[in-house]
C-alpha cells in the first residue's frame, strides 16, 4: 500500500474550484486554506472559471452602465 502522505491530493471539482476562486476574490481566505486549495486546484477548472466570471463581470458592468444612463 502507499503512504497516505505521499499520495497526490484529491483534486477539487468544478464547483469547489468556483468557491475557492470567489473566496480569493473577496480576500477573506485564510492562508492555510489558500495553500490547501492551491495544491488541489485543477488548472483547466481555474481557466474556465476565470473566463466565466470575467464574462459575468463584464455583463454586470454593461447592465449597470445602461441602467445609469437610462
N, C-alpha and C. Protein backbone atom coordinates (compact mmCIF):
# COMPACT_ATOMS: atom_id res chain seq x y z
N UNK A 1 0.83 -1.19 0.00
CA UNK A 1 0.00 0.00 0.00
C UNK A 1 0.87 1.25 0.00
N UNK A 2 0.29 2.36 -0.40
CA UNK A 2 1.04 3.60 -0.44
C UNK A 2 0.85 4.37 0.85
N UNK A 3 1.82 5.17 1.15
CA UNK A 3 1.76 6.02 2.34
C UNK A 3 0.76 7.14 2.09
N UNK A 4 -0.20 7.39 3.01
CA UNK A 4 -1.23 8.42 2.76
C UNK A 4 -0.64 9.81 2.55
N UNK A 5 0.50 10.12 3.16
CA UNK A 5 1.07 11.45 3.00
C UNK A 5 1.77 11.61 1.65
N UNK A 6 2.12 10.51 0.99
CA UNK A 6 2.81 10.59 -0.29
C UNK A 6 1.86 10.56 -1.47
N UNK A 7 0.59 10.29 -1.22
CA UNK A 7 -0.39 10.28 -2.30
C UNK A 7 -0.62 11.69 -2.80
N UNK A 8 -1.00 11.77 -4.06
CA UNK A 8 -1.34 13.07 -4.63
C UNK A 8 -2.66 13.54 -4.03
N UNK A 9 -2.77 14.82 -3.63
CA UNK A 9 -4.03 15.30 -3.05
C UNK A 9 -5.16 15.20 -4.06
N UNK A 10 -6.34 14.92 -3.57
CA UNK A 10 -7.51 14.79 -4.43
C UNK A 10 -7.86 16.16 -5.01
N UNK A 11 -8.14 16.20 -6.29
CA UNK A 11 -8.47 17.45 -6.98
C UNK A 11 -9.87 17.91 -6.61
N UNK A 12 -10.05 19.24 -6.59
CA UNK A 12 -11.35 19.82 -6.33
C UNK A 12 -12.21 19.69 -7.58
N UNK A 13 -13.54 19.53 -7.38
CA UNK A 13 -14.42 19.52 -8.54
C UNK A 13 -14.67 20.97 -8.99
N UNK A 14 -15.41 21.14 -10.08
CA UNK A 14 -15.59 22.46 -10.66
C UNK A 14 -16.25 23.43 -9.68
N UNK A 15 -17.26 23.00 -8.97
CA UNK A 15 -17.98 23.90 -8.07
C UNK A 15 -17.13 24.26 -6.85
N UNK A 16 -16.31 23.36 -6.38
CA UNK A 16 -15.38 23.67 -5.30
C UNK A 16 -14.34 24.67 -5.78
N UNK A 17 -13.92 24.55 -7.04
CA UNK A 17 -12.98 25.50 -7.62
C UNK A 17 -13.60 26.88 -7.69
N UNK A 18 -14.86 26.96 -8.12
CA UNK A 18 -15.57 28.24 -8.17
C UNK A 18 -15.60 28.86 -6.78
N UNK A 19 -15.92 28.07 -5.78
CA UNK A 19 -15.95 28.58 -4.41
C UNK A 19 -14.60 29.10 -3.95
N UNK A 20 -13.55 28.38 -4.25
CA UNK A 20 -12.20 28.80 -3.87
C UNK A 20 -11.82 30.11 -4.55
N UNK A 21 -12.20 30.25 -5.82
CA UNK A 21 -11.86 31.46 -6.55
C UNK A 21 -12.69 32.64 -6.05
N UNK A 22 -13.95 32.42 -5.75
CA UNK A 22 -14.77 33.51 -5.21
C UNK A 22 -14.27 33.96 -3.84
N UNK A 23 -13.83 33.02 -3.01
CA UNK A 23 -13.23 33.39 -1.73
C UNK A 23 -11.97 34.20 -1.96
N UNK A 24 -11.18 33.83 -2.97
CA UNK A 24 -9.96 34.57 -3.27
C UNK A 24 -10.29 35.98 -3.75
N UNK A 25 -11.37 36.14 -4.51
CA UNK A 25 -11.77 37.47 -4.97
C UNK A 25 -12.09 38.39 -3.80
N UNK A 26 -12.73 37.85 -2.77
CA UNK A 26 -13.11 38.68 -1.62
C UNK A 26 -11.92 38.99 -0.73
N UNK A 27 -10.90 38.17 -0.78
CA UNK A 27 -9.72 38.40 0.06
C UNK A 27 -9.90 37.95 1.48
N UNK A 28 -10.92 37.15 1.75
CA UNK A 28 -11.21 36.71 3.11
C UNK A 28 -10.74 35.28 3.39
N UNK A 29 -9.94 34.72 2.52
CA UNK A 29 -9.48 33.34 2.66
C UNK A 29 -8.28 33.28 3.60
N UNK A 30 -8.28 32.32 4.52
CA UNK A 30 -7.12 32.12 5.40
C UNK A 30 -5.96 31.58 4.58
N UNK A 31 -4.75 31.93 4.97
CA UNK A 31 -3.56 31.48 4.25
C UNK A 31 -3.45 29.97 4.17
N UNK A 32 -3.80 29.30 5.26
CA UNK A 32 -3.73 27.84 5.30
C UNK A 32 -4.70 27.23 4.29
N UNK A 33 -5.92 27.75 4.24
CA UNK A 33 -6.91 27.25 3.28
C UNK A 33 -6.48 27.53 1.85
N UNK A 34 -5.86 28.70 1.63
CA UNK A 34 -5.39 29.04 0.30
C UNK A 34 -4.35 28.02 -0.17
N UNK A 35 -3.41 27.67 0.69
CA UNK A 35 -2.37 26.72 0.30
C UNK A 35 -2.94 25.33 0.05
N UNK A 36 -3.92 24.93 0.85
CA UNK A 36 -4.56 23.64 0.61
C UNK A 36 -5.30 23.62 -0.73
N UNK A 37 -6.01 24.72 -1.03
CA UNK A 37 -6.71 24.81 -2.31
C UNK A 37 -5.73 24.83 -3.47
N UNK A 38 -4.64 25.56 -3.32
CA UNK A 38 -3.66 25.67 -4.40
C UNK A 38 -3.08 24.32 -4.78
N UNK A 39 -2.97 23.43 -3.84
CA UNK A 39 -2.45 22.09 -4.12
C UNK A 39 -3.49 21.24 -4.84
N UNK A 40 -4.76 21.55 -4.66
CA UNK A 40 -5.83 20.70 -5.19
C UNK A 40 -6.51 21.24 -6.44
N UNK A 41 -6.25 22.49 -6.80
CA UNK A 41 -6.95 23.09 -7.93
C UNK A 41 -6.55 22.44 -9.25
N UNK A 42 -7.55 22.27 -10.09
CA UNK A 42 -7.34 21.74 -11.43
C UNK A 42 -7.16 22.94 -12.37
N UNK A 43 -6.03 23.05 -13.07
CA UNK A 43 -5.78 24.23 -13.91
C UNK A 43 -6.87 24.48 -14.96
N UNK A 44 -7.43 23.42 -15.51
CA UNK A 44 -8.49 23.59 -16.52
C UNK A 44 -9.71 24.24 -15.87
N UNK A 45 -10.07 23.82 -14.66
CA UNK A 45 -11.21 24.41 -13.97
C UNK A 45 -10.94 25.87 -13.63
N UNK A 46 -9.70 26.19 -13.25
CA UNK A 46 -9.36 27.58 -12.92
C UNK A 46 -9.52 28.47 -14.16
N UNK A 47 -9.05 28.01 -15.31
CA UNK A 47 -9.17 28.80 -16.54
C UNK A 47 -10.63 28.99 -16.93
N UNK A 48 -11.40 27.90 -16.91
CA UNK A 48 -12.82 28.00 -17.25
C UNK A 48 -13.56 28.93 -16.29
N UNK A 49 -13.28 28.79 -15.02
CA UNK A 49 -13.93 29.63 -14.01
C UNK A 49 -13.56 31.09 -14.22
N UNK A 50 -12.29 31.36 -14.50
CA UNK A 50 -11.86 32.73 -14.75
C UNK A 50 -12.56 33.35 -15.95
N UNK A 51 -12.68 32.58 -17.02
CA UNK A 51 -13.37 33.10 -18.21
C UNK A 51 -14.85 33.36 -17.94
N UNK A 52 -15.49 32.43 -17.25
CA UNK A 52 -16.92 32.58 -16.94
C UNK A 52 -17.14 33.79 -16.03
N UNK A 53 -16.34 33.90 -14.97
CA UNK A 53 -16.51 35.01 -14.04
C UNK A 53 -16.17 36.34 -14.69
N UNK A 54 -15.20 36.38 -15.59
CA UNK A 54 -14.89 37.62 -16.31
C UNK A 54 -16.07 38.03 -17.19
N UNK A 55 -16.67 37.07 -17.86
CA UNK A 55 -17.84 37.35 -18.70
C UNK A 55 -19.01 37.87 -17.86
N UNK A 56 -19.26 37.24 -16.74
CA UNK A 56 -20.34 37.68 -15.85
C UNK A 56 -20.06 39.10 -15.35
N UNK A 57 -18.81 39.38 -14.98
CA UNK A 57 -18.43 40.71 -14.50
C UNK A 57 -18.67 41.77 -15.57
N UNK A 58 -18.29 41.49 -16.81
CA UNK A 58 -18.48 42.45 -17.91
C UNK A 58 -19.96 42.67 -18.17
N UNK A 59 -20.74 41.61 -18.16
CA UNK A 59 -22.19 41.75 -18.39
C UNK A 59 -22.82 42.60 -17.29
N UNK A 60 -22.42 42.38 -16.05
CA UNK A 60 -22.96 43.18 -14.95
C UNK A 60 -22.58 44.65 -15.11
N UNK A 61 -21.34 44.91 -15.49
CA UNK A 61 -20.92 46.31 -15.70
C UNK A 61 -21.69 46.96 -16.82
N UNK A 62 -21.92 46.25 -17.91
CA UNK A 62 -22.69 46.81 -19.03
C UNK A 62 -24.12 47.10 -18.60
N UNK A 63 -24.73 46.18 -17.87
CA UNK A 63 -26.09 46.40 -17.40
C UNK A 63 -26.17 47.58 -16.44
N UNK A 64 -25.19 47.71 -15.55
CA UNK A 64 -25.17 48.86 -14.63
C UNK A 64 -24.99 50.18 -15.40
N UNK A 65 -24.15 50.18 -16.43
CA UNK A 65 -23.94 51.39 -17.22
C UNK A 65 -25.22 51.77 -17.96
N UNK A 66 -25.89 50.80 -18.54
CA UNK A 66 -27.15 51.09 -19.24
C UNK A 66 -28.21 51.61 -18.27
N UNK A 67 -28.25 51.03 -17.08
CA UNK A 67 -29.22 51.48 -16.08
C UNK A 67 -28.91 52.92 -15.63
N UNK A 68 -27.62 53.22 -15.45
CA UNK A 68 -27.22 54.55 -15.00
C UNK A 68 -27.51 55.62 -16.06
N UNK A 69 -27.38 55.27 -17.33
CA UNK A 69 -27.60 56.23 -18.41
C UNK A 69 -29.10 56.43 -18.63
N UNK A 70 -29.88 55.42 -18.39
CA UNK A 70 -31.32 55.49 -18.67
C UNK A 70 -32.05 56.44 -17.75
